[in-house]
């Protein structure tokens, strides 16, 4: 990837990075353990690419 990225692309990549975080502990406690995994966390950096 280019070293100098367009701002819009950089913002999209940053958003994907924020979305890939794990579910907070308070959410698991509040939902009685029904929400445990983040569905967007299944993306792997090598296999599934971001359409940015």
C-alpha atoms as a PDB file:
ATOM      1  CA  UNK A   1       0.000   0.000   0.000  1.00  0.00           C
ATOM      2  CA  UNK A   2       1.117   3.529  -0.666  1.00  0.00           C
ATOM      3  CA  UNK A   3       2.863   5.371   2.129  1.00  0.00           C
ATOM      4  CA  UNK A   4       0.924   8.563   1.520  1.00  0.00           C
ATOM      5  CA  UNK A   5      -2.760   7.612   1.649  1.00  0.00           C
ATOM      6  CA  UNK A   6      -5.750   9.751   0.706  1.00  0.00           C
ATOM      7  CA  UNK A   7      -7.536  11.084   3.792  1.00  0.00           C
ATOM      8  CA  UNK A   8     -10.831   9.369   2.936  1.00  0.00           C
ATOM      9  CA  UNK A   9      -9.151   5.971   2.605  1.00  0.00           C
ATOM     10  CA  UNK A  10      -7.254   6.497   5.844  1.00  0.00           C
ATOM     11  CA  UNK A  11     -10.517   7.296   7.657  1.00  0.00           C
ATOM     12  CA  UNK A  12     -12.155   4.138   6.286  1.00  0.00           C
ATOM     13  CA  UNK A  13      -9.200   2.008   7.413  1.00  0.00           C
ATOM     14  CA  UNK A  14      -9.299   3.622  10.870  1.00  0.00           C
ATOM     15  CA  UNK A  15     -13.031   2.883  11.159  1.00  0.00           C
ATOM     16  CA  UNK A  16     -12.432  -0.775  10.275  1.00  0.00           C
ATOM     17  CA  UNK A  17      -9.739  -0.917  12.944  1.00  0.00           C
ATOM     18  CA  UNK A  18     -12.108   0.474  15.576  1.00  0.00           C
ATOM     19  CA  UNK A  19     -14.880  -1.918  14.559  1.00  0.00           C
ATOM     20  CA  UNK A  20     -12.616  -4.952  14.947  1.00  0.00           C
ATOM     21  CA  UNK A  21     -12.227  -4.454  18.711  1.00  0.00           C
ATOM     22  CA  UNK A  22     -13.642  -7.000  21.120  1.00  0.00           C
ATOM     23  CA  UNK A  23     -16.971  -6.540  22.878  1.00  0.00           C
ATOM     24  CA  UNK A  24     -16.618  -4.581  26.164  1.00  0.00           C
ATOM     25  CA  UNK A  25     -17.028  -6.487  29.420  1.00  0.00           C
ATOM     26  CA  UNK A  26     -19.943  -4.322  30.544  1.00  0.00           C
ATOM     27  CA  UNK A  27     -21.890  -5.283  27.397  1.00  0.00           C
ATOM     28  CA  UNK A  28     -21.402  -8.986  28.143  1.00  0.00           C
ATOM     29  CA  UNK A  29     -22.569  -8.412  31.730  1.00  0.00           C
ATOM     30  CA  UNK A  30     -25.537  -6.290  30.696  1.00  0.00           C
ATOM     31  CA  UNK A  31     -26.803  -8.862  28.167  1.00  0.00           C
ATOM     32  CA  UNK A  32     -26.248 -11.803  30.551  1.00  0.00           C
ATOM     33  CA  UNK A  33     -23.611 -13.303  28.253  1.00  0.00           C
ATOM     34  CA  UNK A  34     -25.809 -13.390  25.142  1.00  0.00           C
ATOM     35  CA  UNK A  35     -23.529 -10.960  23.316  1.00  0.00           C
ATOM     36  CA  UNK A  36     -19.989 -12.318  23.544  1.00  0.00           C
ATOM     37  CA  UNK A  37     -18.352 -12.019  20.154  1.00  0.00           C
ATOM     38  CA  UNK A  38     -18.019  -9.186  17.672  1.00  0.00           C
ATOM     39  CA  UNK A  39     -19.114 -10.452  14.221  1.00  0.00           C
ATOM     40  CA  UNK A  40     -16.751  -8.014  12.482  1.00  0.00           C
ATOM     41  CA  UNK A  41     -13.782  -9.402  14.408  1.00  0.00           C
ATOM     42  CA  UNK A  42     -13.652 -12.513  12.225  1.00  0.00           C
ATOM     43  CA  UNK A  43     -11.720 -10.642   9.531  1.00  0.00           C
ATOM     44  CA  UNK A  44      -8.084 -11.629   9.232  1.00  0.00           C
ATOM     45  CA  UNK A  45      -5.561  -9.116   7.963  1.00  0.00           C
ATOM     46  CA  UNK A  46      -4.013 -11.598   5.549  1.00  0.00           C
ATOM     47  CA  UNK A  47      -7.032 -13.376   4.099  1.00  0.00           C
ATOM     48  CA  UNK A  48     -10.019 -10.983   4.128  1.00  0.00           C
ATOM     49  CA  UNK A  49      -9.276  -7.569   2.709  1.00  0.00           C
ATOM     50  CA  UNK A  50     -11.171  -4.375   3.483  1.00  0.00           C
ATOM     51  CA  UNK A  51     -13.030  -2.820   0.566  1.00  0.00           C
ATOM     52  CA  UNK A  52     -11.699   0.660   1.205  1.00  0.00           C
END
